[in-house]
Amino acid sequence: MKKKTILKSIKLLQRMKTEVVDRTGAGDAFGSGFVSALAKGAGVEQAIRAGSANATSVVEYVGAKKGILRLKDLGSKRWQGLEVKKLKA
């Protein structure tokens, strides 16, 4: 029986340095940023950037809503330096 390879590569995003005030909602913020970017037609790497930027912004404030980014916010200079690295699985 031939084995199937499901995972071909792993994508890593370098962590941004930020002051973490409250982690509440960080996972949801990542997920919503990631999925919304995919729904808008972005590739996986761009979706990872969007999710990471959204989660990073949320942890800078108390609560889960205050730091949520809008699509126009992702064009800001602050989020342009997010680099996704691809590793072989």
C-alpha atoms as a PDB file:
ATOM      1  CA  MET A   1       0.000   0.000   0.000  1.00  0.00           C
ATOM      2  CA  LYS A   2       1.376   3.393  -1.012  1.00  0.00           C
ATOM      3  CA  LYS A   3       1.613   6.061   1.719  1.00  0.00           C
ATOM      4  CA  LYS A   4       0.080   9.472   1.056  1.00  0.00           C
ATOM      5  CA  THR A   5       1.876  12.614   2.136  1.00  0.00           C
ATOM      6  CA  ILE A   6      -0.614  15.093   3.475  1.00  0.00           C
ATOM      7  CA  LEU A   7       1.658  17.744   4.982  1.00  0.00           C
ATOM      8  CA  LYS A   8       4.106  19.079   2.410  1.00  0.00           C
ATOM      9  CA  SER A   9       5.409  22.116   4.220  1.00  0.00           C
ATOM     10  CA  ILE A  10       5.068  24.124   7.396  1.00  0.00           C
ATOM     11  CA  LYS A  11       4.779  27.893   7.368  1.00  0.00           C
ATOM     12  CA  LEU A  12       6.172  29.910  10.261  1.00  0.00           C
ATOM     13  CA  LEU A  13       5.701  33.557  11.012  1.00  0.00           C
ATOM     14  CA  GLN A  14       8.284  35.438  13.002  1.00  0.00           C
ATOM     15  CA  ARG A  15       6.774  36.772  16.216  1.00  0.00           C
ATOM     16  CA  MET A  16       6.312  40.513  16.425  1.00  0.00           C
ATOM     17  CA  LYS A  17       7.556  42.199  19.551  1.00  0.00           C
ATOM     18  CA  THR A  18       4.653  43.799  21.371  1.00  0.00           C
ATOM     19  CA  GLU A  19       3.493  44.458  24.889  1.00  0.00           C
ATOM     20  CA  VAL A  20       0.957  41.786  25.809  1.00  0.00           C
ATOM     21  CA  VAL A  21      -1.756  43.296  28.013  1.00  0.00           C
ATOM     22  CA  ASP A  22      -4.432  40.576  27.784  1.00  0.00           C
ATOM     23  CA  ARG A  23      -4.465  37.356  25.754  1.00  0.00           C
ATOM     24  CA  THR A  24      -8.264  37.099  25.751  1.00  0.00           C
ATOM     25  CA  GLY A  25      -9.512  36.639  22.206  1.00  0.00           C
ATOM     26  CA  ALA A  26      -6.096  36.181  20.583  1.00  0.00           C
ATOM     27  CA  GLY A  27      -6.940  32.794  19.066  1.00  0.00           C
ATOM     28  CA  ASP A  28     -10.305  33.979  17.807  1.00  0.00           C
ATOM     29  CA  ALA A  29      -8.677  37.100  16.368  1.00  0.00           C
ATOM     30  CA  PHE A  30      -6.114  34.971  14.523  1.00  0.00           C
ATOM     31  CA  GLY A  31      -8.817  32.676  13.187  1.00  0.00           C
ATOM     32  CA  SER A  32     -11.070  35.482  12.017  1.00  0.00           C
ATOM     33  CA  GLY A  33      -8.203  37.330  10.336  1.00  0.00           C
ATOM     34  CA  PHE A  34      -6.980  34.147   8.655  1.00  0.00           C
ATOM     35  CA  VAL A  35     -10.380  33.007   7.391  1.00  0.00           C
ATOM     36  CA  SER A  36     -11.482  36.461   6.255  1.00  0.00           C
ATOM     37  CA  ALA A  37      -8.280  36.861   4.229  1.00  0.00           C
ATOM     38  CA  LEU A  38      -8.854  33.475   2.567  1.00  0.00           C
ATOM     39  CA  ALA A  39     -12.472  34.423   1.856  1.00  0.00           C
ATOM     40  CA  LYS A  40     -11.231  37.606   0.130  1.00  0.00           C
ATOM     41  CA  GLY A  41      -9.003  35.498  -2.138  1.00  0.00           C
ATOM     42  CA  ALA A  42      -5.650  35.790  -0.338  1.00  0.00           C
ATOM     43  CA  GLY A  43      -3.192  32.919  -0.356  1.00  0.00           C
ATOM     44  CA  VAL A  44      -2.243  30.995   2.767  1.00  0.00           C
ATOM     45  CA  GLU A  45       0.836  33.123   3.497  1.00  0.00           C
ATOM     46  CA  GLN A  46      -1.119  36.388   3.291  1.00  0.00           C
ATOM     47  CA  ALA A  47      -3.866  34.851   5.434  1.00  0.00           C
ATOM     48  CA  ILE A  48      -1.283  33.898   8.071  1.00  0.00           C
ATOM     49  CA  ARG A  49      -0.059  37.505   8.074  1.00  0.00           C
ATOM     50  CA  ALA A  50      -3.610  38.840   8.457  1.00  0.00           C
ATOM     51  CA  GLY A  51      -4.398  36.448  11.303  1.00  0.00           C
ATOM     52  CA  SER A  52      -1.160  37.212  13.098  1.00  0.00           C
ATOM     53  CA  ALA A  53      -1.578  40.969  12.735  1.00  0.00           C
ATOM     54  CA  ASN A  54      -5.126  40.759  14.079  1.00  0.00           C
ATOM     55  CA  ALA A  55      -4.097  38.605  17.064  1.00  0.00           C
ATOM     56  CA  THR A  56      -1.103  40.843  17.824  1.00  0.00           C
ATOM     57  CA  SER A  57      -3.304  43.927  17.821  1.00  0.00           C
ATOM     58  CA  VAL A  58      -5.905  42.312  20.107  1.00  0.00           C
ATOM     59  CA  VAL A  59      -3.418  41.311  22.832  1.00  0.00           C
ATOM     60  CA  GLU A  60      -2.292  44.932  23.178  1.00  0.00           C
ATOM     61  CA  TYR A  61      -5.620  45.846  24.828  1.00  0.00           C
ATOM     62  CA  VAL A  62      -7.824  44.524  27.634  1.00  0.00           C
ATOM     63  CA  GLY A  63     -10.667  42.428  26.250  1.00  0.00           C
ATOM     64  CA  ALA A  64     -11.261  40.653  22.981  1.00  0.00           C
ATOM     65  CA  LYS A  65     -12.746  43.418  20.822  1.00  0.00           C
ATOM     66  CA  LYS A  66     -10.758  46.619  21.131  1.00  0.00           C
ATOM     67  CA  GLY A  67      -7.752  45.761  18.952  1.00  0.00           C
ATOM     68  CA  ILE A  68      -9.567  43.988  16.122  1.00  0.00           C
ATOM     69  CA  LEU A  69      -8.262  45.213  12.774  1.00  0.00           C
ATOM     70  CA  ARG A  70     -10.214  46.128   9.671  1.00  0.00           C
ATOM     71  CA  LEU A  71      -9.075  45.263   6.184  1.00  0.00           C
ATOM     72  CA  LYS A  72      -7.782  48.802   5.618  1.00  0.00           C
ATOM     73  CA  ASP A  73      -5.654  48.523   8.796  1.00  0.00           C
ATOM     74  CA  LEU A  74      -3.638  45.643   7.326  1.00  0.00           C
ATOM     75  CA  GLY A  75      -2.152  48.017   4.757  1.00  0.00           C
ATOM     76  CA  SER A  76      -0.466  50.007   7.513  1.00  0.00           C
ATOM     77  CA  LYS A  77       3.341  50.099   7.606  1.00  0.00           C
ATOM     78  CA  ARG A  78       3.340  48.293  10.962  1.00  0.00           C
ATOM     79  CA  TRP A  79       2.105  45.012   9.459  1.00  0.00           C
ATOM     80  CA  GLN A  80       4.268  45.038   6.320  1.00  0.00           C
ATOM     81  CA  GLY A  81       7.279  43.466   8.051  1.00  0.00           C
ATOM     82  CA  LEU A  82       5.551  40.180   8.876  1.00  0.00           C
ATOM     83  CA  GLU A  83       7.571  37.497   7.106  1.00  0.00           C
ATOM     84  CA  VAL A  84       6.335  33.958   6.562  1.00  0.00           C
ATOM     85  CA  LYS A  85       9.025  31.287   6.287  1.00  0.00           C
ATOM     86  CA  LYS A  86       8.368  27.952   4.648  1.00  0.00           C
ATOM     87  CA  LEU A  87       9.921  24.792   6.108  1.00  0.00           C
ATOM     88  CA  LYS A  88       9.790  21.327   4.603  1.00  0.00           C
ATOM     89  CA  ALA A  89       7.743  18.843   6.622  1.00  0.00           C
END
